[in-house]
């Protein structure tokens, strides 16, 4: 009996020793701080989205009049996107990539690009739609389902990336499935454009502004579902920075980059929607082209050549 107790005690001590060996002792401070800024921006987006429709604190009234909370929530997602781009580059420049940094990045990404866009989409549609009592239960369930599906797809996308990711930067030339920041940007860009249209409706109502506002509101749940499906798909998407901006490129790349920047400056809200949805749909178009159109020449080559008679 005593021997069994001693064996169990020795097993517990060895287990504790192994746990102590696995404790984290050192981290890289600067990349981790930038990663936490990413998560903080996602949290701020959720807070701003929850403020709409409730009493505003006295100190926030001036901000709410100048910058609507839904628009601020959308911009917070884009600030999180900038922090997400910077933390990985800082870690690689300092040669301090680690498993801790990767796990922290994914946890913050799930907040900023999973929970925040889903909650923001849900709040925007709920606030702007006047529900019919006969169908409001169905509509509410559909909205919650769309938000839950988007969040679930973002979580699955990030977990899959952690398993399949390679730390070598040379392998990061493309992604399998739409990256979660791009999916969040696609949803948030529609909300920012909708808030700009809403501001114009309040200043000078036109039928075109009202139609654009209504279309975006009704399209948002379907846009979230589409973005979620693209995240968990196996469609290839290019790594924009590594493929188009890093290293030596033709001079035409600079001209295109300047043109895009000018368009973004002059038509910011519209340009955001065009850029993010063009990127999201480009993978689908490329996939359809490779599956449908690109196979036709190969099938034609298998056919026997026509018989020609020489004179």
C-alpha atoms as a PDB file:
ATOM      1  CA  UNK A   1       0.000   0.000   0.000  1.00  0.00           C
ATOM      2  CA  UNK A   2       2.813   2.395   0.959  1.00  0.00           C
ATOM      3  CA  UNK A   3       4.660   1.529  -2.252  1.00  0.00           C
ATOM      4  CA  UNK A   4       1.620   2.483  -4.348  1.00  0.00           C
ATOM      5  CA  UNK A   5       1.349   5.813  -2.498  1.00  0.00           C
ATOM      6  CA  UNK A   6       5.043   6.484  -3.058  1.00  0.00           C
ATOM      7  CA  UNK A   7       4.686   5.702  -6.767  1.00  0.00           C
ATOM      8  CA  UNK A   8       1.773   8.099  -7.115  1.00  0.00           C
ATOM      9  CA  UNK A   9       3.701  10.807  -5.259  1.00  0.00           C
ATOM     10  CA  UNK A  10       6.711  10.317  -7.538  1.00  0.00           C
ATOM     11  CA  UNK A  11       4.435  10.508 -10.587  1.00  0.00           C
ATOM     12  CA  UNK A  12       2.926  13.779  -9.340  1.00  0.00           C
ATOM     13  CA  UNK A  13       6.394  15.263  -8.719  1.00  0.00           C
ATOM     14  CA  UNK A  14       7.630  14.297 -12.183  1.00  0.00           C
ATOM     15  CA  UNK A  15       4.490  15.815 -13.706  1.00  0.00           C
ATOM     16  CA  UNK A  16       5.069  19.058 -11.793  1.00  0.00           C
ATOM     17  CA  UNK A  17       8.691  19.125 -12.969  1.00  0.00           C
ATOM     18  CA  UNK A  18       7.541  18.755 -16.574  1.00  0.00           C
ATOM     19  CA  UNK A  19       5.019  21.554 -16.101  1.00  0.00           C
ATOM     20  CA  UNK A  20       7.711  23.814 -14.685  1.00  0.00           C
ATOM     21  CA  UNK A  21       9.908  23.115 -17.690  1.00  0.00           C
ATOM     22  CA  UNK A  22       7.140  24.228 -20.043  1.00  0.00           C
ATOM     23  CA  UNK A  23       6.514  27.536 -18.283  1.00  0.00           C
ATOM     24  CA  UNK A  24       7.056  30.602 -20.433  1.00  0.00           C
ATOM     25  CA  UNK A  25      10.020  32.659 -19.211  1.00  0.00           C
ATOM     26  CA  UNK A  26      10.754  35.120 -22.017  1.00  0.00           C
ATOM     27  CA  UNK A  27       8.617  36.965 -24.563  1.00  0.00           C
ATOM     28  CA  UNK A  28       9.268  39.648 -27.165  1.00  0.00           C
ATOM     29  CA  UNK A  29       7.694  42.806 -25.771  1.00  0.00           C
ATOM     30  CA  UNK A  30       7.221  45.060 -28.823  1.00  0.00           C
ATOM     31  CA  UNK A  31       5.506  42.550 -31.176  1.00  0.00           C
ATOM     32  CA  UNK A  32       3.329  41.352 -28.282  1.00  0.00           C
ATOM     33  CA  UNK A  33       2.265  44.927 -27.473  1.00  0.00           C
ATOM     34  CA  UNK A  34       1.285  45.534 -31.109  1.00  0.00           C
ATOM     35  CA  UNK A  35      -0.668  42.273 -31.100  1.00  0.00           C
ATOM     36  CA  UNK A  36      -2.519  43.375 -27.961  1.00  0.00           C
ATOM     37  CA  UNK A  37      -3.329  46.680 -29.700  1.00  0.00           C
ATOM     38  CA  UNK A  38      -4.973  44.556 -32.393  1.00  0.00           C
ATOM     39  CA  UNK A  39      -7.157  42.862 -29.785  1.00  0.00           C
ATOM     40  CA  UNK A  40      -7.884  46.165 -28.018  1.00  0.00           C
ATOM     41  CA  UNK A  41      -9.097  47.701 -31.297  1.00  0.00           C
ATOM     42  CA  UNK A  42     -11.415  44.728 -31.804  1.00  0.00           C
ATOM     43  CA  UNK A  43     -12.754  45.173 -28.273  1.00  0.00           C
ATOM     44  CA  UNK A  44     -13.241  48.909 -28.915  1.00  0.00           C
ATOM     45  CA  UNK A  45     -15.212  48.045 -32.063  1.00  0.00           C
ATOM     46  CA  UNK A  46     -17.592  45.907 -29.994  1.00  0.00           C
ATOM     47  CA  UNK A  47     -17.975  48.697 -27.406  1.00  0.00           C
ATOM     48  CA  UNK A  48     -18.752  51.323 -30.065  1.00  0.00           C
ATOM     49  CA  UNK A  49     -21.277  49.023 -31.744  1.00  0.00           C
ATOM     50  CA  UNK A  50     -23.054  48.428 -28.433  1.00  0.00           C
ATOM     51  CA  UNK A  51     -23.424  52.186 -27.759  1.00  0.00           C
ATOM     52  CA  UNK A  52     -25.911  52.804 -30.580  1.00  0.00           C
ATOM     53  CA  UNK A  53     -29.533  52.989 -29.433  1.00  0.00           C
ATOM     54  CA  UNK A  54     -28.606  53.659 -25.822  1.00  0.00           C
ATOM     55  CA  UNK A  55     -28.072  56.809 -23.774  1.00  0.00           C
ATOM     56  CA  UNK A  56     -24.756  58.410 -24.637  1.00  0.00           C
ATOM     57  CA  UNK A  57     -22.447  59.604 -21.900  1.00  0.00           C
ATOM     58  CA  UNK A  58     -22.167  63.424 -21.792  1.00  0.00           C
ATOM     59  CA  UNK A  59     -18.521  63.389 -22.832  1.00  0.00           C
ATOM     60  CA  UNK A  60     -19.238  61.234 -25.882  1.00  0.00           C
ATOM     61  CA  UNK A  61     -22.053  63.296 -27.407  1.00  0.00           C
ATOM     62  CA  UNK A  62     -19.716  65.461 -29.491  1.00  0.00           C
ATOM     63  CA  UNK A  63     -17.948  62.390 -30.835  1.00  0.00           C
ATOM     64  CA  UNK A  64     -21.227  60.707 -31.677  1.00  0.00           C
ATOM     65  CA  UNK A  65     -22.390  63.755 -33.662  1.00  0.00           C
ATOM     66  CA  UNK A  66     -19.151  63.993 -35.628  1.00  0.00           C
ATOM     67  CA  UNK A  67     -18.312  60.275 -35.909  1.00  0.00           C
ATOM     68  CA  UNK A  68     -21.233  57.815 -35.706  1.00  0.00           C
ATOM     69  CA  UNK A  69     -20.507  54.891 -33.422  1.00  0.00           C
ATOM     70  CA  UNK A  70     -21.128  52.294 -36.134  1.00  0.00           C
ATOM     71  CA  UNK A  71     -18.585  54.031 -38.376  1.00  0.00           C
ATOM     72  CA  UNK A  72     -16.094  54.209 -35.500  1.00  0.00           C
ATOM     73  CA  UNK A  73     -16.635  50.506 -34.837  1.00  0.00           C
ATOM     74  CA  UNK A  74     -15.835  49.781 -38.492  1.00  0.00           C
ATOM     75  CA  UNK A  75     -12.699  51.931 -38.400  1.00  0.00           C
ATOM     76  CA  UNK A  76     -11.532  50.125 -35.258  1.00  0.00           C
ATOM     77  CA  UNK A  77     -11.511  46.895 -37.270  1.00  0.00           C
ATOM     78  CA  UNK A  78      -9.258  48.549 -39.849  1.00  0.00           C
ATOM     79  CA  UNK A  79      -6.932  49.830 -37.116  1.00  0.00           C
ATOM     80  CA  UNK A  80      -6.764  46.265 -35.820  1.00  0.00           C
ATOM     81  CA  UNK A  81      -5.872  45.169 -39.341  1.00  0.00           C
ATOM     82  CA  UNK A  82      -2.925  47.587 -39.422  1.00  0.00           C
ATOM     83  CA  UNK A  83      -1.694  46.294 -36.052  1.00  0.00           C
ATOM     84  CA  UNK A  84      -2.060  42.713 -37.306  1.00  0.00           C
ATOM     85  CA  UNK A  85       0.154  43.503 -40.298  1.00  0.00           C
ATOM     86  CA  UNK A  86       2.796  45.172 -38.151  1.00  0.00           C
ATOM     87  CA  UNK A  87       3.204  42.619 -35.346  1.00  0.00           C
ATOM     88  CA  UNK A  88       4.277  39.764 -37.600  1.00  0.00           C
ATOM     89  CA  UNK A  89       6.762  41.917 -39.501  1.00  0.00           C
ATOM     90  CA  UNK A  90       8.225  43.253 -36.249  1.00  0.00           C
ATOM     91  CA  UNK A  91       8.665  39.714 -34.934  1.00  0.00           C
ATOM     92  CA  UNK A  92      10.369  38.578 -38.147  1.00  0.00           C
ATOM     93  CA  UNK A  93      12.599  41.652 -38.348  1.00  0.00           C
ATOM     94  CA  UNK A  94      13.773  41.088 -34.777  1.00  0.00           C
ATOM     95  CA  UNK A  95      14.062  37.332 -35.458  1.00  0.00           C
ATOM     96  CA  UNK A  96      11.877  36.653 -32.439  1.00  0.00           C
ATOM     97  CA  UNK A  97       8.967  34.647 -33.843  1.00  0.00           C
ATOM     98  CA  UNK A  98       7.614  32.206 -31.283  1.00  0.00           C
ATOM     99  CA  UNK A  99       4.702  29.904 -30.604  1.00  0.00           C
ATOM    100  CA  UNK A 100       3.516  32.319 -27.903  1.00  0.00           C
ATOM    101  CA  UNK A 101       3.352  35.170 -30.420  1.00  0.00           C
ATOM    102  CA  UNK A 102       1.417  33.035 -32.887  1.00  0.00           C
ATOM    103  CA  UNK A 103      -1.124  31.934 -30.300  1.00  0.00           C
ATOM    104  CA  UNK A 104      -1.570  35.476 -28.958  1.00  0.00           C
ATOM    105  CA  UNK A 105      -2.041  36.758 -32.507  1.00  0.00           C
ATOM    106  CA  UNK A 106      -4.767  34.209 -33.212  1.00  0.00           C
ATOM    107  CA  UNK A 107      -6.612  35.013 -29.973  1.00  0.00           C
ATOM    108  CA  UNK A 108      -6.614  38.726 -30.811  1.00  0.00           C
ATOM    109  CA  UNK A 109      -7.600  37.998 -34.423  1.00  0.00           C
ATOM    110  CA  UNK A 110     -10.621  36.027 -33.264  1.00  0.00           C
ATOM    111  CA  UNK A 111     -11.786  39.119 -31.378  1.00  0.00           C
ATOM    112  CA  UNK A 112     -11.006  41.724 -34.051  1.00  0.00           C
ATOM    113  CA  UNK A 113     -11.867  39.753 -37.198  1.00  0.00           C
ATOM    114  CA  UNK A 114     -14.336  37.198 -35.840  1.00  0.00           C
ATOM    115  CA  UNK A 115     -16.465  38.524 -32.983  1.00  0.00           C
ATOM    116  CA  UNK A 116     -16.312  42.268 -33.760  1.00  0.00           C
ATOM    117  CA  UNK A 117     -17.498  42.114 -37.418  1.00  0.00           C
ATOM    118  CA  UNK A 118     -20.233  39.607 -36.571  1.00  0.00           C
ATOM    119  CA  UNK A 119     -21.534  41.693 -33.660  1.00  0.00           C
ATOM    120  CA  UNK A 120     -21.263  44.920 -35.673  1.00  0.00           C
ATOM    121  CA  UNK A 121     -23.215  43.448 -38.583  1.00  0.00           C
ATOM    122  CA  UNK A 122     -25.906  42.207 -36.199  1.00  0.00           C
ATOM    123  CA  UNK A 123     -26.277  45.579 -34.462  1.00  0.00           C
ATOM    124  CA  UNK A 124     -26.356  47.584 -37.715  1.00  0.00           C
ATOM    125  CA  UNK A 125     -29.104  45.449 -39.265  1.00  0.00           C
ATOM    126  CA  UNK A 126     -31.138  45.295 -36.039  1.00  0.00           C
ATOM    127  CA  UNK A 127     -30.972  49.062 -35.613  1.00  0.00           C
ATOM    128  CA  UNK A 128     -31.912  49.956 -39.191  1.00  0.00           C
ATOM    129  CA  UNK A 129     -34.630  47.422 -39.959  1.00  0.00           C
ATOM    130  CA  UNK A 130     -38.218  47.890 -38.835  1.00  0.00           C
ATOM    131  CA  UNK A 131     -39.437  44.367 -38.221  1.00  0.00           C
ATOM    132  CA  UNK A 132     -42.880  43.065 -39.046  1.00  0.00           C
ATOM    133  CA  UNK A 133     -44.350  41.378 -35.948  1.00  0.00           C
ATOM    134  CA  UNK A 134     -45.408  38.417 -38.106  1.00  0.00           C
ATOM    135  CA  UNK A 135     -41.898  37.650 -39.367  1.00  0.00           C
ATOM    136  CA  UNK A 136     -39.589  39.276 -36.812  1.00  0.00           C
ATOM    137  CA  UNK A 137     -38.805  35.935 -35.134  1.00  0.00           C
ATOM    138  CA  UNK A 138     -37.616  34.456 -38.413  1.00  0.00           C
ATOM    139  CA  UNK A 139     -35.573  37.580 -39.249  1.00  0.00           C
ATOM    140  CA  UNK A 140     -33.936  37.706 -35.828  1.00  0.00           C
ATOM    141  CA  UNK A 141     -33.029  34.029 -36.006  1.00  0.00           C
ATOM    142  CA  UNK A 142     -31.558  34.480 -39.471  1.00  0.00           C
ATOM    143  CA  UNK A 143     -29.464  37.455 -38.332  1.00  0.00           C
ATOM    144  CA  UNK A 144     -28.134  35.611 -35.290  1.00  0.00           C
ATOM    145  CA  UNK A 145     -27.437  32.552 -37.435  1.00  0.00           C
ATOM    146  CA  UNK A 146     -25.535  34.630 -39.999  1.00  0.00           C
ATOM    147  CA  UNK A 147     -23.453  36.277 -37.248  1.00  0.00           C
ATOM    148  CA  UNK A 148     -22.770  32.934 -35.544  1.00  0.00           C
ATOM    149  CA  UNK A 149     -21.767  31.276 -38.828  1.00  0.00           C
ATOM    150  CA  UNK A 150     -19.383  34.121 -39.655  1.00  0.00           C
ATOM    151  CA  UNK A 151     -17.748  33.951 -36.224  1.00  0.00           C
ATOM    152  CA  UNK A 152     -17.480  30.151 -36.378  1.00  0.00           C
ATOM    153  CA  UNK A 153     -15.878  30.276 -39.824  1.00  0.00           C
ATOM    154  CA  UNK A 154     -13.370  32.880 -38.621  1.00  0.00           C
ATOM    155  CA  UNK A 155     -12.431  30.709 -35.624  1.00  0.00           C
ATOM    156  CA  UNK A 156     -12.066  27.611 -37.835  1.00  0.00           C
ATOM    157  CA  UNK A 157     -10.016  29.603 -40.360  1.00  0.00           C
ATOM    158  CA  UNK A 158      -7.591  30.800 -37.687  1.00  0.00           C
ATOM    159  CA  UNK A 159      -7.271  27.352 -36.080  1.00  0.00           C
ATOM    160  CA  UNK A 160      -6.575  25.778 -39.469  1.00  0.00           C
ATOM    161  CA  UNK A 161      -3.975  28.436 -40.230  1.00  0.00           C
ATOM    162  CA  UNK A 162      -2.183  27.718 -36.946  1.00  0.00           C
ATOM    163  CA  UNK A 163      -1.969  24.025 -37.789  1.00  0.00           C
ATOM    164  CA  UNK A 164      -0.882  24.467 -41.413  1.00  0.00           C
ATOM    165  CA  UNK A 165       1.241  27.607 -41.042  1.00  0.00           C
ATOM    166  CA  UNK A 166       4.991  27.553 -41.653  1.00  0.00           C
ATOM    167  CA  UNK A 167       7.167  30.159 -39.952  1.00  0.00           C
ATOM    168  CA  UNK A 168       9.395  30.670 -42.993  1.00  0.00           C
ATOM    169  CA  UNK A 169       8.340  33.927 -44.693  1.00  0.00           C
ATOM    170  CA  UNK A 170       9.090  32.475 -48.140  1.00  0.00           C
ATOM    171  CA  UNK A 171       6.120  30.126 -47.747  1.00  0.00           C
ATOM    172  CA  UNK A 172       3.705  33.032 -47.139  1.00  0.00           C
ATOM    173  CA  UNK A 173       3.026  33.780 -50.801  1.00  0.00           C
ATOM    174  CA  UNK A 174      -0.611  32.717 -50.760  1.00  0.00           C
ATOM    175  CA  UNK A 175      -3.383  31.673 -48.375  1.00  0.00           C
ATOM    176  CA  UNK A 176      -5.773  28.750 -48.442  1.00  0.00           C
ATOM    177  CA  UNK A 177      -9.116  30.451 -47.988  1.00  0.00           C
ATOM    178  CA  UNK A 178      -9.898  34.133 -47.581  1.00  0.00           C
ATOM    179  CA  UNK A 179      -7.752  35.595 -44.761  1.00  0.00           C
ATOM    180  CA  UNK A 180      -9.802  36.650 -41.738  1.00  0.00           C
ATOM    181  CA  UNK A 181      -8.641  40.324 -41.877  1.00  0.00           C
ATOM    182  CA  UNK A 182      -9.823  40.549 -45.498  1.00  0.00           C
ATOM    183  CA  UNK A 183     -13.184  38.986 -44.589  1.00  0.00           C
ATOM    184  CA  UNK A 184     -13.607  41.438 -41.702  1.00  0.00           C
ATOM    185  CA  UNK A 185     -12.632  44.302 -43.997  1.00  0.00           C
ATOM    186  CA  UNK A 186     -15.233  43.234 -46.551  1.00  0.00           C
ATOM    187  CA  UNK A 187     -17.996  43.384 -43.911  1.00  0.00           C
ATOM    188  CA  UNK A 188     -16.731  46.538 -42.187  1.00  0.00           C
ATOM    189  CA  UNK A 189     -16.298  48.435 -45.478  1.00  0.00           C
ATOM    190  CA  UNK A 190     -19.991  47.980 -46.293  1.00  0.00           C
ATOM    191  CA  UNK A 191     -20.932  49.309 -42.851  1.00  0.00           C
ATOM    192  CA  UNK A 192     -18.659  52.357 -43.186  1.00  0.00           C
ATOM    193  CA  UNK A 193     -20.132  53.115 -46.623  1.00  0.00           C
ATOM    194  CA  UNK A 194     -23.641  52.714 -45.217  1.00  0.00           C
ATOM    195  CA  UNK A 195     -22.875  55.193 -42.425  1.00  0.00           C
ATOM    196  CA  UNK A 196     -21.590  57.707 -44.954  1.00  0.00           C
ATOM    197  CA  UNK A 197     -24.789  57.298 -46.987  1.00  0.00           C
ATOM    198  CA  UNK A 198     -26.844  57.719 -43.791  1.00  0.00           C
ATOM    199  CA  UNK A 199     -25.052  60.989 -43.056  1.00  0.00           C
ATOM    200  CA  UNK A 200     -25.866  62.250 -46.555  1.00  0.00           C
ATOM    201  CA  UNK A 201     -29.515  61.226 -46.128  1.00  0.00           C
ATOM    202  CA  UNK A 202     -29.721  63.331 -42.948  1.00  0.00           C
ATOM    203  CA  UNK A 203     -28.099  66.298 -44.692  1.00  0.00           C
ATOM    204  CA  UNK A 204     -29.851  66.090 -48.057  1.00  0.00           C
ATOM    205  CA  UNK A 205     -32.284  63.246 -48.680  1.00  0.00           C
ATOM    206  CA  UNK A 206     -32.324  61.709 -52.169  1.00  0.00           C
ATOM    207  CA  UNK A 207     -33.965  58.583 -53.504  1.00  0.00           C
ATOM    208  CA  UNK A 208     -30.574  57.230 -54.623  1.00  0.00           C
ATOM    209  CA  UNK A 209     -29.115  57.539 -51.144  1.00  0.00           C
ATOM    210  CA  UNK A 210     -32.144  55.844 -49.617  1.00  0.00           C
ATOM    211  CA  UNK A 211     -31.963  52.969 -52.112  1.00  0.00           C
ATOM    212  CA  UNK A 212     -28.226  52.517 -51.516  1.00  0.00           C
ATOM    213  CA  UNK A 213     -28.741  52.524 -47.757  1.00  0.00           C
ATOM    214  CA  UNK A 214     -31.530  49.916 -47.974  1.00  0.00           C
ATOM    215  CA  UNK A 215     -29.577  47.641 -50.315  1.00  0.00           C
ATOM    216  CA  UNK A 216     -26.553  47.569 -48.010  1.00  0.00           C
ATOM    217  CA  UNK A 217     -28.670  46.830 -44.928  1.00  0.00           C
ATOM    218  CA  UNK A 218     -30.399  43.876 -46.567  1.00  0.00           C
ATOM    219  CA  UNK A 219     -27.152  42.633 -48.148  1.00  0.00           C
ATOM    220  CA  UNK A 220     -25.072  42.664 -44.948  1.00  0.00           C
ATOM    221  CA  UNK A 221     -26.168  39.251 -43.528  1.00  0.00           C
ATOM    222  CA  UNK A 222     -25.589  37.581 -46.892  1.00  0.00           C
ATOM    223  CA  UNK A 223     -22.239  39.345 -47.246  1.00  0.00           C
ATOM    224  CA  UNK A 224     -21.208  37.989 -43.825  1.00  0.00           C
ATOM    225  CA  UNK A 225     -22.271  34.467 -44.838  1.00  0.00           C
ATOM    226  CA  UNK A 226     -20.324  34.730 -48.105  1.00  0.00           C
ATOM    227  CA  UNK A 227     -17.211  36.005 -46.330  1.00  0.00           C
ATOM    228  CA  UNK A 228     -17.465  33.191 -43.784  1.00  0.00           C
ATOM    229  CA  UNK A 229     -17.784  30.548 -46.504  1.00  0.00           C
ATOM    230  CA  UNK A 230     -14.761  31.942 -48.353  1.00  0.00           C
ATOM    231  CA  UNK A 231     -12.682  31.845 -45.155  1.00  0.00           C
ATOM    232  CA  UNK A 232     -13.121  28.091 -44.694  1.00  0.00           C
ATOM    233  CA  UNK A 233     -12.842  27.314 -48.408  1.00  0.00           C
ATOM    234  CA  UNK A 234      -9.694  26.014 -50.097  1.00  0.00           C
ATOM    235  CA  UNK A 235      -9.640  28.806 -52.681  1.00  0.00           C
ATOM    236  CA  UNK A 236      -6.162  30.302 -53.008  1.00  0.00           C
ATOM    237  CA  UNK A 237      -5.650  34.002 -52.261  1.00  0.00           C
ATOM    238  CA  UNK A 238      -2.364  35.842 -52.848  1.00  0.00           C
ATOM    239  CA  UNK A 239      -0.363  37.442 -50.080  1.00  0.00           C
ATOM    240  CA  UNK A 240      -0.563  41.017 -51.396  1.00  0.00           C
ATOM    241  CA  UNK A 241       2.531  42.391 -49.637  1.00  0.00           C
ATOM    242  CA  UNK A 242       4.800  39.447 -50.417  1.00  0.00           C
ATOM    243  CA  UNK A 243       3.664  39.032 -54.023  1.00  0.00           C
ATOM    244  CA  UNK A 244       3.148  42.600 -55.191  1.00  0.00           C
ATOM    245  CA  UNK A 245       5.042  44.972 -52.888  1.00  0.00           C
ATOM    246  CA  UNK A 246       8.118  43.149 -51.611  1.00  0.00           C
ATOM    247  CA  UNK A 247      11.317  42.846 -53.665  1.00  0.00           C
ATOM    248  CA  UNK A 248      12.028  44.107 -57.181  1.00  0.00           C
ATOM    249  CA  UNK A 249       8.919  44.718 -59.275  1.00  0.00           C
ATOM    250  CA  UNK A 250       8.223  46.266 -62.698  1.00  0.00           C
ATOM    251  CA  UNK A 251       7.772  50.032 -62.854  1.00  0.00           C
ATOM    252  CA  UNK A 252       4.092  49.550 -63.710  1.00  0.00           C
ATOM    253  CA  UNK A 253       3.501  48.238 -60.163  1.00  0.00           C
ATOM    254  CA  UNK A 254       4.415  51.672 -58.786  1.00  0.00           C
ATOM    255  CA  UNK A 255       2.005  53.418 -61.166  1.00  0.00           C
ATOM    256  CA  UNK A 256      -0.815  51.065 -60.170  1.00  0.00           C
ATOM    257  CA  UNK A 257      -0.075  51.538 -56.458  1.00  0.00           C
ATOM    258  CA  UNK A 258      -0.136  55.349 -56.803  1.00  0.00           C
ATOM    259  CA  UNK A 259      -3.418  55.179 -58.762  1.00  0.00           C
ATOM    260  CA  UNK A 260      -5.025  53.011 -56.072  1.00  0.00           C
ATOM    261  CA  UNK A 261      -3.869  55.376 -53.315  1.00  0.00           C
ATOM    262  CA  UNK A 262      -5.291  58.408 -55.171  1.00  0.00           C
ATOM    263  CA  UNK A 263      -8.644  56.664 -55.676  1.00  0.00           C
ATOM    264  CA  UNK A 264      -8.769  55.652 -52.004  1.00  0.00           C
ATOM    265  CA  UNK A 265      -8.078  59.249 -50.907  1.00  0.00           C
ATOM    266  CA  UNK A 266     -10.773  60.817 -53.092  1.00  0.00           C
ATOM    267  CA  UNK A 267     -13.434  58.085 -52.770  1.00  0.00           C
ATOM    268  CA  UNK A 268     -12.448  56.524 -49.483  1.00  0.00           C
ATOM    269  CA  UNK A 269     -15.641  54.728 -48.424  1.00  0.00           C
ATOM    270  CA  UNK A 270     -16.454  53.469 -51.931  1.00  0.00           C
ATOM    271  CA  UNK A 271     -12.822  52.484 -52.537  1.00  0.00           C
ATOM    272  CA  UNK A 272     -12.766  50.355 -49.381  1.00  0.00           C
ATOM    273  CA  UNK A 273     -15.760  48.344 -50.591  1.00  0.00           C
ATOM    274  CA  UNK A 274     -14.313  47.970 -54.097  1.00  0.00           C
ATOM    275  CA  UNK A 275     -10.855  46.917 -52.877  1.00  0.00           C
ATOM    276  CA  UNK A 276     -11.964  44.359 -50.291  1.00  0.00           C
ATOM    277  CA  UNK A 277     -14.751  42.798 -52.325  1.00  0.00           C
ATOM    278  CA  UNK A 278     -12.607  42.725 -55.475  1.00  0.00           C
ATOM    279  CA  UNK A 279      -9.984  40.818 -53.499  1.00  0.00           C
ATOM    280  CA  UNK A 280     -12.590  38.444 -52.014  1.00  0.00           C
ATOM    281  CA  UNK A 281     -14.275  37.747 -55.355  1.00  0.00           C
ATOM    282  CA  UNK A 282     -11.001  37.524 -57.303  1.00  0.00           C
ATOM    283  CA  UNK A 283     -10.277  34.152 -55.723  1.00  0.00           C
ATOM    284  CA  UNK A 284     -13.700  32.846 -56.741  1.00  0.00           C
ATOM    285  CA  UNK A 285     -13.290  34.125 -60.310  1.00  0.00           C
ATOM    286  CA  UNK A 286      -9.809  32.591 -60.571  1.00  0.00           C
ATOM    287  CA  UNK A 287     -11.086  29.293 -59.174  1.00  0.00           C
ATOM    288  CA  UNK A 288     -13.976  29.192 -61.660  1.00  0.00           C
ATOM    289  CA  UNK A 289     -11.642  30.064 -64.517  1.00  0.00           C
ATOM    290  CA  UNK A 290      -9.211  27.266 -63.612  1.00  0.00           C
ATOM    291  CA  UNK A 291     -12.029  24.739 -63.155  1.00  0.00           C
ATOM    292  CA  UNK A 292     -14.243  25.625 -66.132  1.00  0.00           C
ATOM    293  CA  UNK A 293     -12.451  27.646 -68.797  1.00  0.00           C
ATOM    294  CA  UNK A 294      -8.852  26.514 -68.402  1.00  0.00           C
ATOM    295  CA  UNK A 295      -9.827  22.837 -68.890  1.00  0.00           C
ATOM    296  CA  UNK A 296     -11.437  23.381 -72.288  1.00  0.00           C
ATOM    297  CA  UNK A 297      -8.190  23.559 -74.307  1.00  0.00           C
ATOM    298  CA  UNK A 298      -6.953  20.369 -72.662  1.00  0.00           C
ATOM    299  CA  UNK A 299     -10.151  18.581 -73.684  1.00  0.00           C
ATOM    300  CA  UNK A 300      -9.869  19.898 -77.215  1.00  0.00           C
ATOM    301  CA  UNK A 301      -6.306  18.587 -77.518  1.00  0.00           C
ATOM    302  CA  UNK A 302      -7.479  15.054 -76.768  1.00  0.00           C
ATOM    303  CA  UNK A 303      -9.774  15.064 -79.800  1.00  0.00           C
ATOM    304  CA  UNK A 304      -8.301  13.510 -82.979  1.00  0.00           C
ATOM    305  CA  UNK A 305      -6.968  16.091 -85.434  1.00  0.00           C
ATOM    306  CA  UNK A 306      -8.969  16.622 -88.603  1.00  0.00           C
ATOM    307  CA  UNK A 307      -7.884  14.707 -91.726  1.00  0.00           C
ATOM    308  CA  UNK A 308      -6.506  16.944 -94.438  1.00  0.00           C
ATOM    309  CA  UNK A 309      -6.076  15.900 -98.072  1.00  0.00           C
ATOM    310  CA  UNK A 310      -3.134  17.356 -99.916  1.00  0.00           C
ATOM    311  CA  UNK A 311      -3.450  18.071-103.623  1.00  0.00           C
END
